[in-house]
Amino acid sequence: MRINRVFLIRNQMRVNGFSLIEVLITILIVSFGLLSMAALVVSGARGNNVAYYRSIASKQTEDIADRMRANIAGVTAGAYNALSASIPSSSDCAASACSATQMAAYDHAQWNTANARLLPGGVGTVTGNLTVGYVITLMWTEKEMNGDIDPNADPSCPVGVNTRCFVTRIAP
């Protein structure tokens, strides 16, 4: 009887357990799956960040276009023909009355201040005239570009490392 009992215990050990190699292989497969899921989450977050900045750029170009349409006298006078990336000093037209040219300088200052606040390294320019229309260009630094130059950038946009450009053409 004793011999049968020892034989029975040995058979149960062989049948009932997992080997260490099977456990290690399972851990390896699960860890690859978890790493893949983490990479997918990071990629999704990066895509959301890019979309967020493009959405802001779209709203900011609409903002300056609306400001120009509201000050058509300034547009006619040529006050919006060459708005640079710098923030000019201007009168506070919200507190007191301003001329059309002063309002254009105020719009320019308010717009580029908002660009700098809302977009990383955000600056905007406006070029053109009433006859041919205007080109609004917004530029910002996008770290998701990983030190590359945007291959799909508009030809009128200055080329720069990690610089994203958003160009809109309008006729007020």
Protein backbone atom coordinates (compact mmCIF):
# COMPACT_ATOMS: atom_id res chain seq x y z
CA MET A 1 0.00 0.00 0.00
CA ARG A 2 2.79 2.34 0.77
CA ILE A 3 4.23 2.04 -2.71
CA ASN A 4 0.92 2.92 -4.36
CA ARG A 5 0.55 5.95 -2.14
CA VAL A 6 3.98 7.38 -3.11
CA PHE A 7 3.28 6.71 -6.78
CA LEU A 8 -0.07 8.49 -6.48
CA ILE A 9 1.47 11.59 -4.88
CA ARG A 10 4.11 11.83 -7.64
CA ASN A 11 1.45 11.61 -10.36
CA GLN A 12 -0.65 14.36 -8.74
CA MET A 13 2.38 16.68 -8.63
CA ARG A 14 2.99 16.19 -12.33
CA VAL A 15 -0.59 16.73 -13.36
CA ASN A 16 -1.69 19.57 -11.05
CA GLY A 17 0.91 22.34 -11.31
CA PHE A 18 2.28 24.95 -13.70
CA SER A 19 5.94 24.99 -14.41
CA LEU A 20 8.00 28.08 -13.75
CA ILE A 21 8.65 28.53 -17.48
CA GLU A 22 4.93 28.71 -18.23
CA VAL A 23 4.47 31.39 -15.56
CA LEU A 24 7.40 33.44 -16.91
CA ILE A 25 6.10 33.26 -20.47
CA THR A 26 2.65 34.38 -19.31
CA ILE A 27 4.15 37.34 -17.43
CA LEU A 28 6.18 38.29 -20.51
CA ILE A 29 3.12 38.23 -22.81
CA VAL A 30 1.01 40.25 -20.36
CA SER A 31 3.80 42.82 -19.88
CA PHE A 32 4.10 43.35 -23.67
CA GLY A 33 0.36 43.88 -23.84
CA LEU A 34 0.44 46.43 -21.02
CA LEU A 35 3.35 48.30 -22.62
CA SER A 36 1.45 48.44 -25.90
CA MET A 37 -1.61 49.84 -24.15
CA ALA A 38 0.53 52.49 -22.40
CA ALA A 39 2.04 53.53 -25.75
CA LEU A 40 -1.46 53.82 -27.20
CA VAL A 41 -2.57 56.08 -24.34
CA VAL A 42 0.49 58.33 -24.77
CA SER A 43 -0.09 58.54 -28.51
CA GLY A 44 -3.73 59.49 -27.95
CA ALA A 45 -2.79 62.20 -25.46
CA ARG A 46 -0.25 63.61 -27.94
CA GLY A 47 -2.89 63.70 -30.66
CA ASN A 48 -5.31 65.49 -28.33
CA ASN A 49 -2.69 68.12 -27.54
CA VAL A 50 -2.04 68.80 -31.24
CA ALA A 51 -5.77 69.06 -31.95
CA TYR A 52 -6.22 71.40 -28.99
CA TYR A 53 -3.57 73.83 -30.28
CA ARG A 54 -4.98 73.75 -33.81
CA SER A 55 -8.43 74.51 -32.43
CA ILE A 56 -7.07 77.52 -30.55
CA ALA A 57 -5.25 78.69 -33.69
CA SER A 58 -8.48 78.47 -35.66
CA LYS A 59 -10.35 80.52 -33.05
CA GLN A 60 -7.55 83.10 -32.91
CA THR A 61 -7.58 83.62 -36.67
CA GLU A 62 -11.36 84.06 -36.47
CA ASP A 63 -10.79 86.59 -33.68
CA ILE A 64 -8.55 88.91 -35.72
CA ALA A 65 -10.77 88.50 -38.79
CA ASP A 66 -13.80 89.55 -36.73
CA ARG A 67 -11.85 92.49 -35.28
CA MET A 68 -11.00 93.59 -38.82
CA ARG A 69 -14.62 93.28 -39.94
CA ALA A 70 -15.74 95.33 -36.94
CA ASN A 71 -13.23 98.09 -37.80
CA ILE A 72 -13.78 98.35 -41.55
CA ALA A 73 -12.66 102.00 -41.42
CA GLY A 74 -9.25 100.80 -40.14
CA VAL A 75 -9.10 98.17 -42.89
CA THR A 76 -9.90 100.82 -45.52
CA ALA A 77 -7.20 103.09 -44.05
CA GLY A 78 -4.63 100.25 -44.34
CA ALA A 79 -4.07 99.91 -40.59
CA TYR A 80 -4.22 96.09 -40.77
CA ASN A 81 -2.02 95.70 -43.88
CA ALA A 82 1.14 94.63 -42.03
CA LEU A 83 0.61 93.46 -38.46
CA SER A 84 3.89 92.05 -37.18
CA ALA A 85 4.54 89.31 -34.63
CA SER A 86 5.52 91.83 -31.97
CA ILE A 87 3.05 93.26 -29.47
CA PRO A 88 2.72 97.02 -30.03
CA SER A 89 1.91 99.59 -27.40
CA SER A 90 -1.58 100.93 -27.82
CA SER A 91 -4.25 103.07 -26.23
CA ASP A 92 -6.89 101.38 -24.10
CA CYS A 93 -9.78 101.54 -26.55
CA ALA A 94 -12.05 99.64 -24.16
CA ALA A 95 -11.89 102.53 -21.68
CA SER A 96 -11.96 105.49 -24.08
CA ALA A 97 -12.87 106.33 -27.65
CA CYS A 98 -10.23 105.68 -30.30
CA SER A 99 -9.74 106.42 -33.97
CA ALA A 100 -9.84 103.59 -36.52
CA THR A 101 -6.03 103.45 -36.63
CA GLN A 102 -5.75 103.40 -32.83
CA MET A 103 -8.37 100.63 -32.73
CA ALA A 104 -6.29 98.60 -35.21
CA ALA A 105 -3.22 98.96 -32.96
CA TYR A 106 -5.35 97.99 -29.94
CA ASP A 107 -6.72 94.94 -31.80
CA HIS A 108 -3.19 93.95 -32.81
CA ALA A 109 -1.91 94.21 -29.23
CA GLN A 110 -4.87 92.33 -27.75
CA TRP A 111 -4.69 89.60 -30.39
CA ASN A 112 -0.96 88.90 -30.09
CA THR A 113 -1.14 89.05 -26.29
CA ALA A 114 -3.83 86.35 -26.42
CA ASN A 115 -1.76 84.33 -28.93
CA ALA A 116 1.22 84.37 -26.57
CA ARG A 117 -0.98 83.37 -23.63
CA LEU A 118 -2.97 80.60 -25.36
CA LEU A 119 -0.31 78.99 -27.56
CA PRO A 120 3.24 78.03 -26.54
CA GLY A 121 5.43 80.64 -28.22
CA GLY A 122 2.35 81.85 -30.07
CA VAL A 123 2.67 84.82 -32.41
CA GLY A 124 0.56 86.04 -35.29
CA THR A 125 0.97 88.22 -38.35
CA VAL A 126 -1.43 89.75 -40.86
CA THR A 127 -0.33 90.79 -44.35
CA GLY A 128 -2.18 91.98 -47.43
CA ASN A 129 -4.57 94.75 -48.33
CA LEU A 130 -8.23 95.35 -49.05
CA THR A 131 -7.80 94.75 -52.79
CA VAL A 132 -6.14 91.30 -52.74
CA GLY A 133 -7.29 90.11 -49.31
CA TYR A 134 -5.37 89.30 -46.15
CA VAL A 135 -3.24 86.38 -45.03
CA ILE A 136 -3.41 85.63 -41.30
CA THR A 137 -0.52 83.48 -40.08
CA LEU A 138 -0.34 82.01 -36.59
CA MET A 139 2.80 80.22 -35.42
CA TRP A 140 3.52 78.31 -32.21
CA THR A 141 5.99 75.82 -30.81
CA GLU A 142 4.80 72.24 -30.78
CA LYS A 143 7.01 69.86 -28.83
CA GLU A 144 5.20 66.84 -30.30
CA MET A 145 7.08 67.48 -33.56
CA ASN A 146 10.21 66.06 -31.85
CA GLY A 147 12.62 68.59 -33.34
CA ASP A 148 11.38 68.20 -36.91
CA ILE A 149 10.36 70.77 -39.49
CA ASP A 150 6.71 70.58 -40.56
CA PRO A 151 6.73 68.98 -44.03
CA ASN A 152 3.14 70.12 -44.69
CA ALA A 153 3.70 73.77 -43.77
CA ASP A 154 2.27 76.47 -46.00
CA PRO A 155 4.98 77.91 -48.31
CA SER A 156 4.33 81.38 -46.88
CA CYS A 157 5.07 80.16 -43.35
CA PRO A 158 8.58 80.65 -41.94
CA VAL A 159 10.31 77.30 -41.58
CA GLY A 160 11.46 76.45 -38.07
CA VAL A 161 12.17 73.47 -35.88
CA ASN A 162 9.09 72.50 -33.83
CA THR A 163 7.18 75.40 -35.37
CA ARG A 164 3.61 74.74 -36.39
CA CYS A 165 1.93 77.20 -38.71
CA PHE A 166 -1.73 77.93 -39.31
CA VAL A 167 -2.49 80.11 -42.33
CA THR A 168 -5.88 81.57 -43.25
CA ARG A 169 -6.81 83.86 -46.11
CA ILE A 170 -9.71 86.29 -45.68
CA ALA A 171 -11.43 89.14 -47.48
CA PRO A 172 -13.16 91.36 -44.90
